[in-house]
Amino acid sequence: MMLETVREGLSWACLLSGGFFLVAGGIGMLRLPDFYTRMHPAGVIDTMGAGLILLGLMIQAGFSLVTVKLLLIALFLLFTSPTAVHALAKAARHGGLEPLLVNTEENDE
């Protein structure tokens, strides 16, 4: 009985923290000024937010075939999300999109 309560609490903690990362990343994508700075929350949303939600679902499912499937999805996201963000940023740079830079000489005065 006690172990079930701990499992439920841990599962909900992972689900809620994953949801927090998704919301925070979405707000970051809206508020940040340029394409390259928006790439960071996009990667965090995929990797951290979805990863924590999948972990919470795995804890909920227990030891079953569903857990194996969720683990495979998590591994797929873990490998593909950072690679996709890197490829997208590299393609944007190759396409001529310059990052938004702050002139440091004006800030020093």
Protein backbone atom coordinates (compact mmCIF):
# COMPACT_ATOMS: atom_id res chain seq x y z
CA MET A 1 0.00 0.00 0.00
CA MET A 2 2.77 2.44 0.92
CA LEU A 3 4.81 1.54 -2.16
CA GLU A 4 1.81 2.26 -4.39
CA THR A 5 1.43 5.73 -2.85
CA VAL A 6 5.12 6.49 -3.39
CA ARG A 7 4.88 5.31 -7.00
CA GLU A 8 1.85 7.50 -7.64
CA GLY A 9 3.52 10.53 -6.05
CA LEU A 10 6.73 10.05 -8.04
CA SER A 11 4.75 9.57 -11.22
CA TRP A 12 2.74 12.75 -10.68
CA ALA A 13 5.90 14.69 -9.79
CA CYS A 14 7.44 13.67 -13.13
CA LEU A 15 4.26 14.48 -15.04
CA LEU A 16 3.86 17.90 -13.44
CA SER A 17 7.51 18.87 -13.80
CA GLY A 18 7.43 17.75 -17.44
CA GLY A 19 4.35 19.91 -17.97
CA PHE A 20 6.16 22.82 -16.33
CA PHE A 21 9.09 22.45 -18.72
CA LEU A 22 6.72 22.35 -21.68
CA VAL A 23 4.91 25.51 -20.61
CA ALA A 24 8.14 27.33 -19.74
CA GLY A 25 9.68 26.34 -23.07
CA GLY A 26 6.59 27.50 -24.94
CA ILE A 27 6.70 30.87 -23.18
CA GLY A 28 10.41 31.09 -23.95
CA MET A 29 9.78 30.45 -27.61
CA LEU A 30 7.30 33.32 -27.67
CA ARG A 31 9.36 35.82 -25.70
CA LEU A 32 12.90 35.35 -27.00
CA PRO A 33 14.04 37.81 -29.68
CA ASP A 34 15.47 35.81 -32.57
CA PHE A 35 15.55 32.41 -34.24
CA TYR A 36 18.73 31.15 -32.60
CA THR A 37 17.70 31.98 -29.06
CA ARG A 38 14.32 30.33 -29.71
CA MET A 39 16.11 27.13 -30.69
CA HIS A 40 17.18 26.51 -27.08
CA PRO A 41 13.68 26.25 -25.57
CA ALA A 42 12.61 24.17 -28.55
CA GLY A 43 15.26 21.62 -27.65
CA VAL A 44 14.40 21.76 -23.96
CA ILE A 45 10.73 21.17 -24.69
CA ASP A 46 11.45 18.01 -26.65
CA THR A 47 14.17 16.58 -24.48
CA MET A 48 13.33 17.53 -20.92
CA GLY A 49 9.58 18.12 -21.00
CA ALA A 50 8.57 15.13 -23.07
CA GLY A 51 11.21 12.97 -21.36
CA LEU A 52 9.80 13.68 -17.91
CA ILE A 53 6.25 13.08 -19.08
CA LEU A 54 7.29 9.76 -20.61
CA LEU A 55 9.10 8.84 -17.39
CA GLY A 56 5.96 9.61 -15.39
CA LEU A 57 3.91 7.45 -17.74
CA MET A 58 6.46 4.62 -17.43
CA ILE A 59 6.18 4.76 -13.64
CA GLN A 60 2.37 4.67 -13.95
CA ALA A 61 2.47 1.67 -16.30
CA GLY A 62 4.71 -0.45 -14.08
CA PHE A 63 6.68 -3.31 -15.64
CA SER A 64 4.85 -4.11 -18.87
CA LEU A 65 5.07 -3.96 -22.63
CA VAL A 66 3.74 -0.40 -22.47
CA THR A 67 6.81 0.61 -20.46
CA VAL A 68 9.11 -0.87 -23.09
CA LYS A 69 7.31 1.07 -25.83
CA LEU A 70 7.50 4.31 -23.83
CA LEU A 71 11.19 3.70 -23.21
CA LEU A 72 11.80 3.28 -26.93
CA ILE A 73 9.94 6.52 -27.65
CA ALA A 74 12.02 8.31 -24.98
CA LEU A 75 15.28 7.00 -26.45
CA PHE A 76 14.18 8.08 -29.92
CA LEU A 77 13.42 11.60 -28.65
CA LEU A 78 16.67 11.74 -26.70
CA PHE A 79 18.73 11.07 -29.83
CA THR A 80 16.70 12.89 -32.48
CA SER A 81 15.69 16.12 -30.75
CA PRO A 82 19.16 17.61 -30.15
CA THR A 83 20.25 16.45 -33.59
CA ALA A 84 17.25 18.08 -35.25
CA VAL A 85 17.76 21.36 -33.38
CA HIS A 86 21.44 21.40 -34.37
CA ALA A 87 20.64 20.64 -38.02
CA LEU A 88 17.97 23.34 -38.12
CA ALA A 89 20.32 25.95 -36.66
CA LYS A 90 23.09 24.93 -39.05
CA ALA A 91 20.71 25.13 -42.03
CA ALA A 92 19.56 28.59 -40.95
CA ARG A 93 23.15 29.78 -40.63
CA HIS A 94 24.01 28.28 -44.02
CA GLY A 95 20.95 30.00 -45.49
CA GLY A 96 22.27 33.37 -44.37
CA LEU A 97 20.18 34.02 -41.27
CA GLU A 98 22.38 36.07 -38.97
CA PRO A 99 21.97 35.96 -35.19
CA LEU A 100 20.75 39.04 -33.37
CA LEU A 101 23.85 40.55 -31.77
CA VAL A 102 24.00 43.35 -29.22
CA ASN A 103 26.64 45.98 -29.92
CA THR A 104 28.96 45.70 -26.88
CA GLU A 105 30.77 48.97 -27.63
CA GLU A 106 27.57 50.96 -27.02
CA ASN A 107 26.94 49.11 -23.75
CA ASP A 108 30.43 49.84 -22.40
CA GLU A 109 29.93 53.63 -22.46
